Protein backbone atom coordinates (compact mmCIF):
# COMPACT_ATOMS: atom_id res chain seq x y z
CA UNK A 1 -89.63 -107.08 123.04
CA UNK A 2 -92.42 -109.36 123.93
CA UNK A 3 -94.78 -107.53 121.73
CA UNK A 4 -92.84 -108.87 118.76
CA UNK A 5 -93.27 -112.59 119.77
CA UNK A 6 -95.76 -113.00 122.45
CA UNK A 7 -98.47 -110.46 123.41
CA UNK A 8 -99.11 -112.03 126.90
CA UNK A 9 -96.27 -110.14 128.44
CA UNK A 10 -96.95 -111.45 131.88
CA UNK A 11 -97.17 -115.07 130.54
CA UNK A 12 -93.73 -115.98 131.72
CA UNK A 13 -94.42 -114.92 135.23
CA UNK A 14 -97.77 -116.78 135.08
CA UNK A 15 -96.09 -119.87 133.64
CA UNK A 16 -93.29 -119.91 136.17
CA UNK A 17 -95.89 -120.47 138.82
CA UNK A 18 -97.97 -122.90 136.85
CA UNK A 19 -95.91 -125.81 138.15
CA UNK A 20 -96.47 -124.70 141.69
CA UNK A 21 -100.26 -124.07 141.14
CA UNK A 22 -100.60 -127.73 141.07
CA UNK A 23 -98.08 -130.13 142.65
CA UNK A 24 -96.97 -133.04 140.45
CA UNK A 25 -98.89 -135.45 142.67
CA UNK A 26 -101.98 -133.40 142.22
CA UNK A 27 -101.87 -133.43 138.39
CA UNK A 28 -104.82 -135.47 136.99
CA UNK A 29 -103.64 -138.87 135.64
CA UNK A 30 -105.40 -140.13 132.52
CA UNK A 31 -108.75 -138.69 133.47
CA UNK A 32 -111.37 -139.34 130.84
CA UNK A 33 -114.28 -137.52 132.28
CA UNK A 34 -113.03 -134.83 134.58
CA UNK A 35 -115.15 -134.23 137.72
CA UNK A 36 -113.34 -131.16 139.09
CA UNK A 37 -113.41 -128.79 136.11
CA UNK A 38 -115.97 -128.51 133.48
CA UNK A 39 -115.53 -130.79 130.52
CA UNK A 40 -115.23 -128.05 127.94
CA UNK A 41 -111.96 -126.82 129.62
CA UNK A 42 -110.24 -130.06 128.87
CA UNK A 43 -108.65 -131.10 125.67
CA UNK A 44 -105.83 -133.39 124.46
CA UNK A 45 -102.28 -132.58 125.39
CA UNK A 46 -99.83 -132.10 122.60
CA UNK A 47 -97.86 -135.29 121.50
CA UNK A 48 -95.02 -136.02 123.73
CA UNK A 49 -96.71 -134.47 126.69
CA UNK A 50 -96.82 -135.92 130.25
CA UNK A 51 -100.48 -136.37 130.46
CA UNK A 52 -103.46 -137.38 128.16
CA UNK A 53 -105.46 -134.35 129.28
CA UNK A 54 -104.59 -130.75 130.03
CA UNK A 55 -106.07 -127.51 131.17
CA UNK A 56 -106.19 -124.34 129.05
CA UNK A 57 -104.38 -121.34 130.52
CA UNK A 58 -107.67 -119.37 130.36
CA UNK A 59 -109.14 -121.78 133.18
CA UNK A 60 -106.54 -120.60 135.83
CA UNK A 61 -105.75 -117.13 134.45
CA UNK A 62 -108.79 -115.66 132.92
CA UNK A 63 -108.64 -112.24 131.13
CA UNK A 64 -111.08 -110.07 129.48
CA UNK A 65 -109.67 -110.87 125.90
CA UNK A 66 -111.17 -114.31 126.50
CA UNK A 67 -114.73 -112.87 126.13
CA UNK A 68 -116.31 -113.49 122.69
CA UNK A 69 -117.65 -110.06 122.08
CA UNK A 70 -114.27 -108.49 122.75
CA UNK A 71 -112.60 -111.05 120.35
CA UNK A 72 -115.10 -110.14 117.67
CA UNK A 73 -114.57 -106.42 118.11
CA UNK A 74 -110.83 -106.66 117.74
CA UNK A 75 -110.98 -109.24 114.93
CA UNK A 76 -112.86 -106.58 112.87
CA UNK A 77 -110.62 -103.87 113.92
CA UNK A 78 -107.49 -105.76 112.93
CA UNK A 79 -109.08 -106.91 109.73
CA UNK A 80 -109.89 -103.26 108.66
CA UNK A 81 -106.27 -102.00 109.61
CA UNK A 82 -104.71 -104.95 107.80
CA UNK A 83 -106.76 -104.34 104.56
CA UNK A 84 -106.13 -100.63 104.65
CA UNK A 85 -102.40 -101.19 105.15
CA UNK A 86 -102.00 -103.73 102.40
CA UNK A 87 -104.11 -101.80 99.83
CA UNK A 88 -102.46 -98.43 100.64
CA UNK A 89 -98.91 -99.58 100.70
CA UNK A 90 -99.30 -101.83 97.73
CA UNK A 91 -100.69 -98.94 95.76
CA UNK A 92 -97.76 -96.80 96.72
CA UNK A 93 -95.28 -99.47 95.56
CA UNK A 94 -97.21 -100.09 92.30
CA UNK A 95 -97.37 -96.47 91.38
CA UNK A 96 -93.81 -95.63 92.19
CA UNK A 97 -92.22 -98.77 90.66
CA UNK A 98 -93.89 -98.08 87.36
CA UNK A 99 -92.56 -94.52 87.55
CA UNK A 100 -96.07 -93.08 87.06
CA UNK A 101 -95.36 -90.55 89.78
CA UNK A 102 -92.88 -87.68 89.11
CA UNK A 103 -90.98 -87.77 92.33
CA UNK A 104 -87.32 -87.42 92.84
CA UNK A 105 -85.55 -90.65 92.67
CA UNK A 106 -84.08 -90.22 96.20
CA UNK A 107 -87.55 -89.52 97.65
CA UNK A 108 -88.99 -92.57 95.69
CA UNK A 109 -86.31 -94.80 97.24
CA UNK A 110 -87.27 -93.86 100.76
CA UNK A 111 -90.96 -94.11 100.08
CA UNK A 112 -90.74 -97.53 98.58
CA UNK A 113 -88.64 -98.67 101.67
CA UNK A 114 -91.24 -97.26 103.90
CA UNK A 115 -94.17 -99.03 102.03
CA UNK A 116 -92.15 -102.16 101.91
CA UNK A 117 -91.46 -102.36 105.85
CA UNK A 118 -95.15 -101.44 106.46
CA UNK A 119 -96.37 -104.36 104.28
CA UNK A 120 -94.10 -106.68 105.91
CA UNK A 121 -95.24 -105.36 109.42
CA UNK A 122 -98.81 -105.96 108.30
CA UNK A 123 -98.08 -109.57 107.15
CA UNK A 124 -96.00 -110.62 110.29
CA UNK A 125 -96.53 -108.44 113.37
CA UNK A 126 -100.15 -107.64 112.98
CA UNK A 127 -101.67 -111.03 112.33
CA UNK A 128 -99.41 -113.27 114.43
CA UNK A 129 -99.48 -110.98 117.49
CA UNK A 130 -103.24 -110.60 117.16
CA UNK A 131 -103.72 -114.45 117.05
CA UNK A 132 -101.58 -114.91 120.04
CA UNK A 133 -103.35 -112.22 122.08
CA UNK A 134 -106.61 -114.27 121.87
CA UNK A 135 -105.23 -117.74 122.05
CA UNK A 136 -102.75 -116.84 124.73
CA UNK A 137 -100.30 -119.53 123.42
CA UNK A 138 -98.15 -120.18 120.47
CA UNK A 139 -100.23 -121.90 117.71
CA UNK A 140 -97.49 -121.69 115.06
CA UNK A 141 -94.55 -123.99 114.42
CA UNK A 142 -91.89 -123.81 117.08
CA UNK A 143 -89.21 -122.49 114.68
CA UNK A 144 -91.32 -119.52 113.87
CA UNK A 145 -90.96 -118.43 117.40
CA UNK A 146 -87.49 -117.19 116.77
CA UNK A 147 -88.02 -116.13 113.19
CA UNK A 148 -91.17 -114.09 113.89
CA UNK A 149 -89.48 -112.27 116.72
CA UNK A 150 -86.74 -111.09 114.25
CA UNK A 151 -89.10 -110.31 111.53
CA UNK A 152 -91.66 -108.56 113.56
CA UNK A 153 -89.07 -106.36 115.47
CA UNK A 154 -87.04 -105.65 112.27
CA UNK A 155 -89.97 -104.24 110.41
CA UNK A 156 -90.82 -101.79 113.14
CA UNK A 157 -87.32 -100.51 113.48
CA UNK A 158 -86.95 -100.19 109.76
CA UNK A 159 -90.18 -98.21 109.58
CA UNK A 160 -89.10 -95.75 112.34
CA UNK A 161 -85.64 -95.36 110.76
CA UNK A 162 -87.03 -94.75 107.36
CA UNK A 163 -89.38 -92.00 108.62
CA UNK A 164 -86.17 -90.43 110.16
CA UNK A 165 -84.34 -90.55 106.88
CA UNK A 166 -87.25 -88.90 105.00
CA UNK A 167 -87.29 -86.03 107.55
CA UNK A 168 -83.47 -85.58 107.24
CA UNK A 169 -83.62 -85.68 103.45
CA UNK A 170 -86.32 -83.01 103.37
CA UNK A 171 -84.33 -80.83 105.75
CA UNK A 172 -81.24 -81.07 103.56
CA UNK A 173 -83.22 -80.15 100.32
CA UNK A 174 -84.60 -77.15 101.94
CA UNK A 175 -81.70 -76.07 104.01
CA UNK A 176 -79.03 -76.46 101.36
CA UNK A 177 -80.91 -76.23 98.04
CA UNK A 178 -77.88 -75.14 96.03
CA UNK A 179 -75.58 -77.87 97.30
CA UNK A 180 -75.23 -81.26 95.72
CA UNK A 181 -78.25 -83.37 96.51
CA UNK A 182 -78.14 -87.00 97.73
CA UNK A 183 -77.46 -89.31 94.78
CA UNK A 184 -79.59 -92.35 93.83
CA UNK A 185 -76.90 -94.79 94.86
CA UNK A 186 -76.40 -92.97 98.11
CA UNK A 187 -80.04 -93.35 98.80
CA UNK A 188 -79.97 -97.00 97.99
CA UNK A 189 -76.99 -97.51 100.35
CA UNK A 190 -78.83 -95.54 103.17
CA UNK A 191 -81.92 -97.76 102.71
CA UNK A 192 -79.81 -101.05 102.85
CA UNK A 193 -78.00 -99.78 106.04
CA UNK A 194 -81.40 -98.90 107.54
CA UNK A 195 -82.66 -102.44 106.89
CA UNK A 196 -79.49 -104.17 108.33
CA UNK A 197 -79.54 -101.98 111.47
CA UNK A 198 -83.28 -102.45 112.05
CA UNK A 199 -82.99 -106.18 111.87
CA UNK A 200 -79.60 -106.20 113.89
CA UNK A 201 -81.50 -104.33 116.67
CA UNK A 202 -84.24 -107.06 116.69
CA UNK A 203 -81.81 -109.98 116.62
CA UNK A 204 -81.69 -110.33 120.34
CA UNK A 205 -85.33 -111.12 120.51
CA UNK A 206 -84.93 -114.04 118.15
CA UNK A 207 -81.81 -115.27 119.82
CA UNK A 208 -83.44 -115.49 123.31
CA UNK A 209 -86.95 -116.59 122.18
CA UNK A 210 -88.03 -120.14 122.55
CA UNK A 211 -91.19 -122.26 123.01
CA UNK A 212 -91.97 -123.66 126.38
CA UNK A 213 -94.37 -126.41 127.59
CA UNK A 214 -95.95 -126.15 131.16
CA UNK A 215 -97.88 -129.32 132.09
CA UNK A 216 -100.67 -129.79 132.96
CA UNK A 217 -101.56 -126.62 130.83
CA UNK A 218 -102.32 -127.02 127.13
CA UNK A 219 -100.26 -125.77 124.35
CA UNK A 220 -96.79 -124.16 124.00
CA UNK A 221 -95.78 -120.66 124.78
CA UNK A 222 -93.29 -118.45 122.74
CA UNK A 223 -91.33 -116.66 125.48
CA UNK A 224 -88.00 -114.60 125.88
CA UNK A 225 -85.64 -116.41 128.10
CA UNK A 226 -82.88 -113.93 128.87
CA UNK A 227 -79.56 -115.31 130.51
CA UNK A 228 -80.16 -113.63 133.84
CA UNK A 229 -83.99 -114.34 134.09
CA UNK A 230 -85.17 -114.86 137.68
CA UNK A 231 -87.18 -118.09 137.77
CA UNK A 232 -89.40 -116.84 140.56
CA UNK A 233 -90.40 -113.33 139.28
CA UNK A 234 -89.44 -113.87 135.55
CA UNK A 235 -87.64 -110.62 135.50
CA UNK A 236 -84.27 -109.76 133.88
CA UNK A 237 -81.89 -106.88 134.12
CA UNK A 238 -80.67 -107.46 130.70
CA UNK A 239 -84.27 -107.29 129.36
CA UNK A 240 -84.86 -104.14 131.26
CA UNK A 241 -81.69 -102.54 129.59
CA UNK A 242 -82.81 -103.83 126.21
CA UNK A 243 -86.29 -102.40 126.62
CA UNK A 244 -84.69 -98.91 127.46
CA UNK A 245 -82.54 -99.14 124.37
CA UNK A 246 -85.56 -100.06 122.29
CA UNK A 247 -87.43 -97.15 123.67
CA UNK A 248 -84.67 -94.74 122.84
CA UNK A 249 -83.55 -96.16 119.46
CA UNK A 250 -87.06 -97.02 117.95
CA UNK A 251 -89.06 -94.22 119.38
CA UNK A 252 -87.12 -91.55 121.20
CA UNK A 253 -84.38 -90.76 118.60
CA UNK A 254 -86.65 -90.88 115.50
CA UNK A 255 -89.15 -88.63 117.29
CA UNK A 256 -86.57 -86.10 118.39
CA UNK A 257 -84.78 -86.06 115.02
CA UNK A 258 -87.99 -85.83 112.88
CA UNK A 259 -89.36 -83.10 115.29
CA UNK A 260 -86.02 -81.00 114.91
CA UNK A 261 -85.95 -81.38 111.11
CA UNK A 262 -89.57 -80.44 110.52
CA UNK A 263 -89.37 -77.44 113.11
CA UNK A 264 -86.19 -76.26 111.22
CA UNK A 265 -88.00 -76.54 107.87
CA UNK A 266 -90.99 -74.56 109.23
CA UNK A 267 -88.60 -71.97 110.45
CA UNK A 268 -86.88 -71.61 107.10
CA UNK A 269 -90.23 -71.42 105.28
CA UNK A 270 -91.42 -68.65 107.57
CA UNK A 271 -88.12 -66.75 106.94
CA UNK A 272 -88.45 -67.11 103.17
CA UNK A 273 -91.93 -65.81 103.17
CA UNK A 274 -90.94 -62.83 105.31
CA UNK A 275 -88.14 -61.91 102.93
CA UNK A 276 -90.59 -62.30 99.88
CA UNK A 277 -92.97 -59.79 101.65
CA UNK A 278 -90.13 -57.46 102.26
CA UNK A 279 -89.01 -57.34 98.66
CA UNK A 280 -92.64 -56.86 97.61
CA UNK A 281 -93.89 -53.91 99.64
CA UNK A 282 -97.24 -53.73 97.97
CA UNK A 283 -99.04 -56.99 97.94
CA UNK A 284 -102.63 -57.85 96.93
CA UNK A 285 -104.72 -59.21 99.60
CA UNK A 286 -105.32 -62.30 97.53
CA UNK A 287 -101.55 -62.82 97.38
CA UNK A 288 -101.20 -62.45 101.14
CA UNK A 289 -104.09 -64.90 101.85
CA UNK A 290 -102.47 -67.36 99.45
CA UNK A 291 -99.04 -67.22 101.17
CA UNK A 292 -100.75 -67.49 104.57
CA UNK A 293 -102.71 -70.50 103.42
CA UNK A 294 -99.65 -72.07 102.00
CA UNK A 295 -97.70 -71.59 105.29
CA UNK A 296 -100.53 -72.91 107.44
CA UNK A 297 -100.81 -75.91 105.09
CA UNK A 298 -97.03 -76.64 105.41
CA UNK A 299 -97.26 -76.37 109.18
CA UNK A 300 -100.26 -78.76 109.42
CA UNK A 301 -98.42 -81.33 107.23
CA UNK A 302 -95.22 -81.28 109.46
CA UNK A 303 -97.33 -81.53 112.64
CA UNK A 304 -99.14 -84.45 111.16
CA UNK A 305 -95.97 -86.21 110.30
CA UNK A 306 -94.57 -85.98 113.86
CA UNK A 307 -97.81 -86.70 115.47
CA UNK A 308 -98.43 -89.77 113.33
CA UNK A 309 -95.22 -91.26 114.77
CA UNK A 310 -95.66 -90.20 118.43
CA UNK A 311 -99.41 -91.16 118.58
CA UNK A 312 -98.98 -94.47 116.99
CA UNK A 313 -96.01 -95.73 118.92
CA UNK A 314 -96.19 -94.01 122.39
CA UNK A 315 -98.84 -96.15 123.88
CA UNK A 316 -96.91 -99.33 122.73
CA UNK A 317 -93.64 -98.14 124.34
CA UNK A 318 -95.35 -97.03 127.48
CA UNK A 319 -97.06 -100.51 128.13
CA UNK A 320 -93.70 -102.33 127.47
CA UNK A 321 -91.84 -99.96 129.71
CA UNK A 322 -94.41 -100.70 132.50
CA UNK A 323 -94.05 -104.42 131.91
CA UNK A 324 -90.30 -104.41 131.96
CA UNK A 325 -90.06 -102.47 135.46
CA UNK A 326 -93.19 -104.09 137.13
CA UNK A 327 -91.38 -106.45 139.52
CA UNK A 328 -94.53 -107.77 141.24
CA UNK A 329 -95.33 -111.31 140.52
CA UNK A 330 -98.72 -111.12 138.80
CA UNK A 331 -99.19 -114.90 139.15
CA UNK A 332 -100.22 -114.71 142.73
CA UNK A 333 -103.82 -115.10 143.48
CA UNK A 334 -104.21 -111.60 144.94
CA UNK A 335 -102.41 -109.94 142.07
CA UNK A 336 -103.93 -112.05 139.28
CA UNK A 337 -107.03 -109.70 139.21
CA UNK A 338 -104.74 -106.74 138.34
CA UNK A 339 -103.66 -108.54 135.07
CA UNK A 340 -107.12 -109.28 133.84
CA UNK A 341 -107.07 -106.11 131.86
CA UNK A 342 -103.49 -106.39 130.55
CA UNK A 343 -104.14 -108.29 127.34
CA UNK A 344 -106.99 -106.02 126.63
CA UNK A 345 -104.93 -102.87 127.12
CA UNK A 346 -102.03 -104.53 125.18
CA UNK A 347 -104.46 -105.39 122.27
CA UNK A 348 -105.63 -101.66 122.13
CA UNK A 349 -102.11 -100.37 122.22
CA UNK A 350 -100.94 -102.81 119.53
CA UNK A 351 -103.80 -102.05 117.16
CA UNK A 352 -102.98 -98.27 117.60
CA UNK A 353 -99.39 -99.04 116.66
CA UNK A 354 -100.36 -100.98 113.69
CA UNK A 355 -102.42 -98.01 112.39
CA UNK A 356 -99.00 -96.41 111.52
CA UNK A 357 -98.95 -98.61 108.42
CA UNK A 358 -102.15 -96.95 107.40
CA UNK A 359 -101.18 -93.38 108.12
CA UNK A 360 -97.75 -93.66 106.40
CA UNK A 361 -98.95 -94.03 102.82
CA UNK A 362 -101.57 -91.41 103.32
CA UNK A 363 -99.13 -88.79 104.83
CA UNK A 364 -96.04 -89.28 102.75
CA UNK A 365 -97.59 -90.36 99.53
CA UNK A 366 -101.32 -89.62 98.82
CA UNK A 367 -101.17 -86.26 100.60
CA UNK A 368 -98.41 -85.26 98.31
CA UNK A 369 -99.59 -82.93 95.59
CA UNK A 370 -97.43 -84.44 92.79
CA UNK A 371 -98.52 -87.94 93.81
CA UNK A 372 -102.14 -86.94 93.80
CA UNK A 373 -101.87 -85.20 90.41
CA UNK A 374 -100.20 -88.17 88.91
CA UNK A 375 -102.83 -90.56 90.07
CA UNK A 376 -105.58 -88.18 88.82
CA UNK A 377 -103.89 -87.87 85.43
CA UNK A 378 -103.50 -91.69 85.16
CA UNK A 379 -107.19 -92.23 86.08
CA UNK A 380 -108.29 -89.52 83.56
CA UNK A 381 -106.16 -90.93 80.79
CA UNK A 382 -107.63 -94.43 81.53
CA UNK A 383 -111.25 -92.96 81.57
CA UNK A 384 -110.44 -91.26 78.17
CA UNK A 385 -109.02 -94.41 76.70
CA UNK A 386 -112.08 -96.37 77.83
CA UNK A 387 -114.38 -93.69 76.27
CA UNK A 388 -112.43 -93.68 73.07
CA UNK A 389 -112.62 -97.40 72.75
CA UNK A 390 -116.36 -97.48 73.45
CA UNK A 391 -116.89 -94.71 70.71
CA UNK A 392 -114.79 -96.56 68.23
CA UNK A 393 -116.79 -99.86 68.80
CA UNK A 394 -120.06 -97.93 68.48
CA UNK A 395 -119.06 -96.35 65.17
CA UNK A 396 -118.00 -99.64 63.81
CA UNK A 397 -121.38 -101.18 64.71
CA UNK A 398 -123.23 -98.29 63.18
CA UNK A 399 -121.18 -98.49 60.00
CA UNK A 400 -121.81 -102.15 59.72
CA UNK A 401 -125.46 -101.65 60.18
CA UNK A 402 -125.61 -98.66 57.55
CA UNK A 403 -123.72 -100.87 55.07
CA UNK A 404 -126.15 -103.82 55.45
CA UNK A 405 -129.09 -101.63 55.12
CA UNK A 406 -127.66 -100.08 51.95
CA UNK A 407 -127.16 -103.37 50.34
CA UNK A 408 -130.69 -104.54 51.23
CA UNK A 409 -132.12 -101.25 49.68
CA UNK A 410 -130.05 -101.64 46.58
CA UNK A 411 -131.24 -105.18 45.99
CA UNK A 412 -134.79 -104.24 46.37
CA UNK A 413 -134.41 -101.27 43.89
CA UNK A 414 -132.75 -103.61 41.26
CA UNK A 415 -135.45 -106.29 41.60
CA UNK A 416 -138.16 -103.71 40.85
CA UNK A 417 -136.73 -102.90 37.35
CA UNK A 418 -135.79 -106.39 36.34
CA UNK A 419 -138.17 -108.92 34.83
CA UNK A 420 -139.16 -112.06 36.85
CA UNK A 421 -137.00 -115.07 36.53
CA UNK A 422 -139.99 -117.16 35.43
CA UNK A 423 -141.04 -114.79 32.56
CA UNK A 424 -137.65 -113.72 31.07
CA UNK A 425 -135.57 -116.62 32.17
CA UNK A 426 -133.07 -114.19 33.87
CA UNK A 427 -131.23 -115.66 36.84
CA UNK A 428 -131.67 -113.05 39.64
CA UNK A 429 -129.06 -114.80 41.71
CA UNK A 430 -126.43 -114.27 38.97
CA UNK A 431 -127.56 -110.77 38.44
CA UNK A 432 -127.20 -110.11 42.10
CA UNK A 433 -123.77 -111.69 42.13
CA UNK A 434 -122.93 -109.46 39.08
CA UNK A 435 -124.04 -106.21 40.66
CA UNK A 436 -123.05 -106.67 44.29
CA UNK A 437 -119.23 -106.63 44.00
CA UNK A 438 -119.22 -103.14 42.39
CA UNK A 439 -121.43 -101.63 45.15
CA UNK A 440 -119.70 -103.82 47.81
CA UNK A 441 -116.35 -102.41 46.84
CA UNK A 442 -117.55 -98.95 47.30
CA UNK A 443 -118.99 -99.83 50.65
CA UNK A 444 -115.86 -101.40 51.82
CA UNK A 445 -113.81 -98.42 50.62
CA UNK A 446 -116.12 -95.99 52.57
CA UNK A 447 -115.94 -98.40 55.53
CA UNK A 448 -112.05 -98.41 55.58
CA UNK A 449 -111.88 -94.54 55.47
CA UNK A 450 -114.36 -94.36 58.36
CA UNK A 451 -112.37 -96.91 60.43
CA UNK A 452 -109.14 -95.03 59.64
CA UNK A 453 -110.81 -91.72 60.92
CA UNK A 454 -112.04 -93.43 63.98
CA UNK A 455 -108.63 -94.91 64.66
CA UNK A 456 -107.05 -91.49 64.32
CA UNK A 457 -109.70 -90.04 66.68
CA UNK A 458 -108.91 -92.83 69.27
CA UNK A 459 -105.23 -92.17 69.01
CA UNK A 460 -105.65 -88.47 69.58
CA UNK A 461 -107.79 -89.07 72.75
CA UNK A 462 -105.31 -91.31 74.44
CA UNK A 463 -102.38 -89.08 73.49
CA UNK A 464 -100.35 -91.60 71.44
């Protein structure tokens, strides 16, 4: 799956003809100021290269993704998708891990697995593939070529398999409500099996991926080199077979199984509503409207679940299928123009596929009534706690101000009835020290009772 390692899926065909584009005796030798090509097209060759200068791949095989406006547009698009995915899935993991959402333990396991796989996909497949699309070479360390192929492909498989497991789990709960439900340990075992199977399916990509250098062109290229690859066309029968298996396992089977499960769920719900109407011959119009609204809402949600999977991954699978079975050598001069749009179309399909990491937390978590109610309750409790804390602080400031004003008023009243210190020889400071403790004790007692009442009111507001 080249879209896991290198987005320029015709790169290998192009690179196979790079050495024939310029014969070895025509390669420039130690040119300092090139006269044939513009100076900005030249840059230093990587260490260990054959020549001191090299030619970027964009110079011989230009594509639309090389244009700056297109790169800026997709950079903003990828950034928005990345931020929405990280924030959405991290929020799901935060809420579920702290047990703030009252979901069944089995469903929580599947939802956490889906959120974790989407986060890993956003951290690997999204940025690395996006960078490789626009640079059109491998700018990362060479060992990452194999590792990223496995990680990127594995997260995509895990996400699809987890969506299928969620659909099957919901079907079992509705179809057999009285039978024993899936236990927590069983759900954990299913998730572990899903992750192991997903990365096993992506393992061939890492095994047959490697970095290649094609003088006199700059940089390295992360490519899939299958055992039976034709050096002229760059095609492989094993690669075609693997591409078909990916289409079936990653997209076909999850789509079919999820569609059947949700179709069966909708059919069971319709039957239950019909039986309820038969038992209750006379129904108010309000009850009929409520049942109809509930049925429509359920149908929309199930259609959204299936449509999210199909619309996100269908374009990506179609473009990979076209690449695997396109036997023409696009590196020829006449056919090169037909590939100018390829990376642009690939970038569009890849960005659509990455939006699945945005829709999944919305569809399977935030659209869940229990999930939304729990988040609303948590936010309301936090708001009440902040309001109670602010009220307590305000009361304390008011009490401190009242106590200070009371002491100042008492001191002025006392000084009005006492003779002056010069006439009677009375030390007003000592008198003040004599009278203040008694009134101060009363004020402190009143202040303590008021603080205790405020503390009780605060605890009542936050529900402790």
